[in-house]
Amino acid sequence: MPKEILKPPEVARILGVSPQYVREHIRRGIWKFGECVPKKVRGKTTDEFNIYRAKFENHIGRKLNEEEIV
């Protein structure tokens, strides 16, 4: 079963950028393929980032293979 929710380090590796770069672009609404769940909502000390595989694949213009997602 393919993984449907990706995390910033996985996406960063594919895009060739840092995980923090991915987080900031999602937080600011520049990239629409994921969402930031604020720490206040989660009751945690850090924000959570969920990146939707289908939206990300649409963004990069191709399907991901399972070897890319580790």
N, C-alpha and C. Protein backbone atom coordinates (compact mmCIF):
# COMPACT_ATOMS: atom_id res chain seq x y z
N MET A 1 0.85 -1.18 0.00
CA MET A 1 0.00 0.00 0.00
C MET A 1 0.89 1.25 0.00
N PRO A 2 0.71 2.12 -0.97
CA PRO A 2 1.54 3.32 -1.04
C PRO A 2 1.28 4.27 0.12
N LYS A 3 2.32 4.92 0.53
CA LYS A 3 2.23 5.91 1.60
C LYS A 3 1.56 7.17 1.06
N GLU A 4 0.48 7.62 1.68
CA GLU A 4 -0.29 8.76 1.18
C GLU A 4 0.09 10.08 1.83
N ILE A 5 0.63 10.03 3.05
CA ILE A 5 1.06 11.24 3.75
C ILE A 5 2.58 11.22 3.85
N LEU A 6 3.20 12.25 3.31
CA LEU A 6 4.66 12.37 3.34
C LEU A 6 5.05 13.41 4.39
N LYS A 7 6.31 13.38 4.77
CA LYS A 7 6.84 14.32 5.75
C LYS A 7 7.91 15.20 5.09
N PRO A 8 8.20 16.36 5.68
CA PRO A 8 9.16 17.29 5.07
C PRO A 8 10.51 16.70 4.68
N PRO A 9 11.14 15.83 5.49
CA PRO A 9 12.44 15.29 5.04
C PRO A 9 12.36 14.48 3.75
N GLU A 10 11.27 13.75 3.56
CA GLU A 10 11.09 12.96 2.33
C GLU A 10 10.96 13.87 1.11
N VAL A 11 10.11 14.87 1.26
CA VAL A 11 9.87 15.81 0.16
C VAL A 11 11.13 16.65 -0.12
N ALA A 12 11.82 17.05 0.93
CA ALA A 12 13.04 17.84 0.77
C ALA A 12 14.09 17.08 -0.04
N ARG A 13 14.23 15.79 0.24
CA ARG A 13 15.20 14.96 -0.48
C ARG A 13 14.86 14.92 -1.97
N ILE A 14 13.58 14.79 -2.29
CA ILE A 14 13.14 14.72 -3.69
C ILE A 14 13.36 16.06 -4.40
N LEU A 15 13.09 17.16 -3.70
CA LEU A 15 13.21 18.49 -4.30
C LEU A 15 14.63 19.06 -4.25
N GLY A 16 15.49 18.46 -3.43
CA GLY A 16 16.85 18.96 -3.31
C GLY A 16 16.96 20.22 -2.47
N VAL A 17 16.10 20.32 -1.47
CA VAL A 17 16.12 21.47 -0.56
C VAL A 17 16.15 20.93 0.87
N SER A 18 16.21 21.83 1.85
CA SER A 18 16.23 21.39 3.24
C SER A 18 14.80 21.15 3.74
N PRO A 19 14.66 20.30 4.76
CA PRO A 19 13.33 20.11 5.34
C PRO A 19 12.73 21.41 5.88
N GLN A 20 13.57 22.28 6.42
CA GLN A 20 13.07 23.56 6.93
C GLN A 20 12.51 24.42 5.81
N TYR A 21 13.13 24.39 4.64
CA TYR A 21 12.64 25.12 3.47
C TYR A 21 11.23 24.63 3.11
N VAL A 22 11.03 23.33 3.13
CA VAL A 22 9.72 22.75 2.84
C VAL A 22 8.71 23.21 3.89
N ARG A 23 9.08 23.13 5.16
CA ARG A 23 8.17 23.55 6.24
C ARG A 23 7.75 25.01 6.08
N GLU A 24 8.71 25.87 5.83
CA GLU A 24 8.41 27.31 5.72
C GLU A 24 7.51 27.61 4.53
N HIS A 25 7.74 26.95 3.40
CA HIS A 25 6.90 27.20 2.22
C HIS A 25 5.46 26.71 2.45
N ILE A 26 5.31 25.62 3.16
CA ILE A 26 3.96 25.14 3.48
C ILE A 26 3.32 26.05 4.52
N ARG A 27 4.06 26.42 5.54
CA ARG A 27 3.54 27.29 6.61
C ARG A 27 3.05 28.61 6.02
N ARG A 28 3.79 29.18 5.09
CA ARG A 28 3.43 30.48 4.49
C ARG A 28 2.39 30.37 3.39
N GLY A 29 2.02 29.15 3.01
CA GLY A 29 1.01 28.97 1.98
C GLY A 29 1.56 29.10 0.57
N ILE A 30 2.87 29.08 0.41
CA ILE A 30 3.48 29.17 -0.92
C ILE A 30 3.25 27.86 -1.67
N TRP A 31 3.45 26.75 -0.97
CA TRP A 31 3.19 25.43 -1.55
C TRP A 31 1.89 24.90 -0.98
N LYS A 32 0.99 24.49 -1.85
CA LYS A 32 -0.36 24.08 -1.45
C LYS A 32 -0.53 22.57 -1.35
N PHE A 33 0.55 21.81 -1.46
CA PHE A 33 0.43 20.34 -1.45
C PHE A 33 0.47 19.75 -0.04
N GLY A 34 0.53 20.60 0.96
CA GLY A 34 0.56 20.10 2.34
C GLY A 34 -0.10 21.08 3.28
N GLU A 35 -0.12 20.69 4.55
CA GLU A 35 -0.71 21.55 5.57
C GLU A 35 0.16 21.56 6.81
N CYS A 36 0.06 22.65 7.53
CA CYS A 36 0.74 22.79 8.81
C CYS A 36 -0.33 22.71 9.90
N VAL A 37 -0.14 21.76 10.81
CA VAL A 37 -1.04 21.64 11.96
C VAL A 37 -0.32 22.31 13.13
N PRO A 38 -0.79 23.48 13.55
CA PRO A 38 -0.09 24.24 14.60
C PRO A 38 0.04 23.47 15.91
N LYS A 39 1.13 23.75 16.59
CA LYS A 39 1.40 23.08 17.87
C LYS A 39 0.29 23.33 18.89
N LYS A 40 -0.33 24.50 18.84
CA LYS A 40 -1.42 24.80 19.78
C LYS A 40 -2.59 23.83 19.58
N VAL A 41 -2.89 23.54 18.34
CA VAL A 41 -4.00 22.63 18.02
C VAL A 41 -3.65 21.22 18.48
N ARG A 42 -2.41 20.84 18.29
CA ARG A 42 -1.95 19.48 18.63
C ARG A 42 -1.71 19.31 20.12
N GLY A 43 -1.52 20.41 20.85
CA GLY A 43 -1.17 20.31 22.25
C GLY A 43 0.25 19.79 22.43
N LYS A 44 1.10 20.08 21.46
CA LYS A 44 2.49 19.62 21.46
C LYS A 44 3.42 20.83 21.44
N THR A 45 4.72 20.56 21.36
CA THR A 45 5.70 21.64 21.34
C THR A 45 6.16 22.01 19.94
N THR A 46 5.76 21.24 18.93
CA THR A 46 6.15 21.54 17.55
C THR A 46 4.95 21.43 16.61
N ASP A 47 5.02 22.17 15.52
CA ASP A 47 4.01 22.05 14.47
C ASP A 47 4.19 20.72 13.75
N GLU A 48 3.11 20.23 13.17
CA GLU A 48 3.19 19.00 12.37
C GLU A 48 2.90 19.36 10.92
N PHE A 49 3.59 18.72 10.01
CA PHE A 49 3.41 18.97 8.58
C PHE A 49 2.99 17.69 7.90
N ASN A 50 1.87 17.75 7.21
CA ASN A 50 1.37 16.62 6.43
C ASN A 50 1.37 17.03 4.97
N ILE A 51 2.05 16.24 4.16
CA ILE A 51 2.15 16.52 2.73
C ILE A 51 1.41 15.40 2.00
N TYR A 52 0.45 15.79 1.19
CA TYR A 52 -0.40 14.82 0.51
C TYR A 52 0.25 14.37 -0.79
N ARG A 53 0.50 13.07 -0.85
CA ARG A 53 1.23 12.49 -1.97
C ARG A 53 0.64 12.89 -3.32
N ALA A 54 -0.66 12.75 -3.50
CA ALA A 54 -1.29 13.06 -4.79
C ALA A 54 -1.07 14.52 -5.18
N LYS A 55 -1.23 15.42 -4.23
CA LYS A 55 -1.01 16.85 -4.51
C LYS A 55 0.46 17.13 -4.82
N PHE A 56 1.37 16.46 -4.08
CA PHE A 56 2.79 16.65 -4.33
C PHE A 56 3.18 16.11 -5.71
N GLU A 57 2.66 14.94 -6.06
CA GLU A 57 2.93 14.38 -7.39
C GLU A 57 2.43 15.31 -8.48
N ASN A 58 1.28 15.91 -8.28
CA ASN A 58 0.75 16.88 -9.24
C ASN A 58 1.67 18.09 -9.33
N HIS A 59 2.19 18.53 -8.19
CA HIS A 59 3.09 19.68 -8.14
C HIS A 59 4.38 19.43 -8.93
N ILE A 60 4.94 18.23 -8.78
CA ILE A 60 6.20 17.93 -9.49
C ILE A 60 5.98 17.36 -10.88
N GLY A 61 4.74 17.04 -11.21
CA GLY A 61 4.41 16.60 -12.56
C GLY A 61 4.75 15.15 -12.88
N ARG A 62 4.83 14.32 -11.85
CA ARG A 62 5.09 12.90 -12.09
C ARG A 62 4.71 12.09 -10.85
N LYS A 63 4.58 10.79 -11.05
CA LYS A 63 4.30 9.88 -9.94
C LYS A 63 5.60 9.53 -9.23
N LEU A 64 5.54 9.37 -7.93
CA LEU A 64 6.70 8.95 -7.14
C LEU A 64 6.78 7.42 -7.18
N ASN A 65 8.00 6.92 -7.18
CA ASN A 65 8.15 5.48 -7.01
C ASN A 65 8.50 5.22 -5.55
N GLU A 66 8.27 4.01 -5.11
CA GLU A 66 8.42 3.69 -3.67
C GLU A 66 9.86 3.84 -3.18
N GLU A 67 10.84 3.72 -4.06
CA GLU A 67 12.24 3.88 -3.65
C GLU A 67 12.55 5.30 -3.24
N GLU A 68 11.78 6.27 -3.75
CA GLU A 68 12.01 7.67 -3.41
C GLU A 68 11.50 8.02 -2.01
N ILE A 69 10.60 7.21 -1.51
CA ILE A 69 9.98 7.49 -0.22
C ILE A 69 10.53 6.48 0.79
N VAL A 70 11.41 6.98 1.63
CA VAL A 70 12.04 6.11 2.62
C VAL A 70 11.68 6.56 4.01
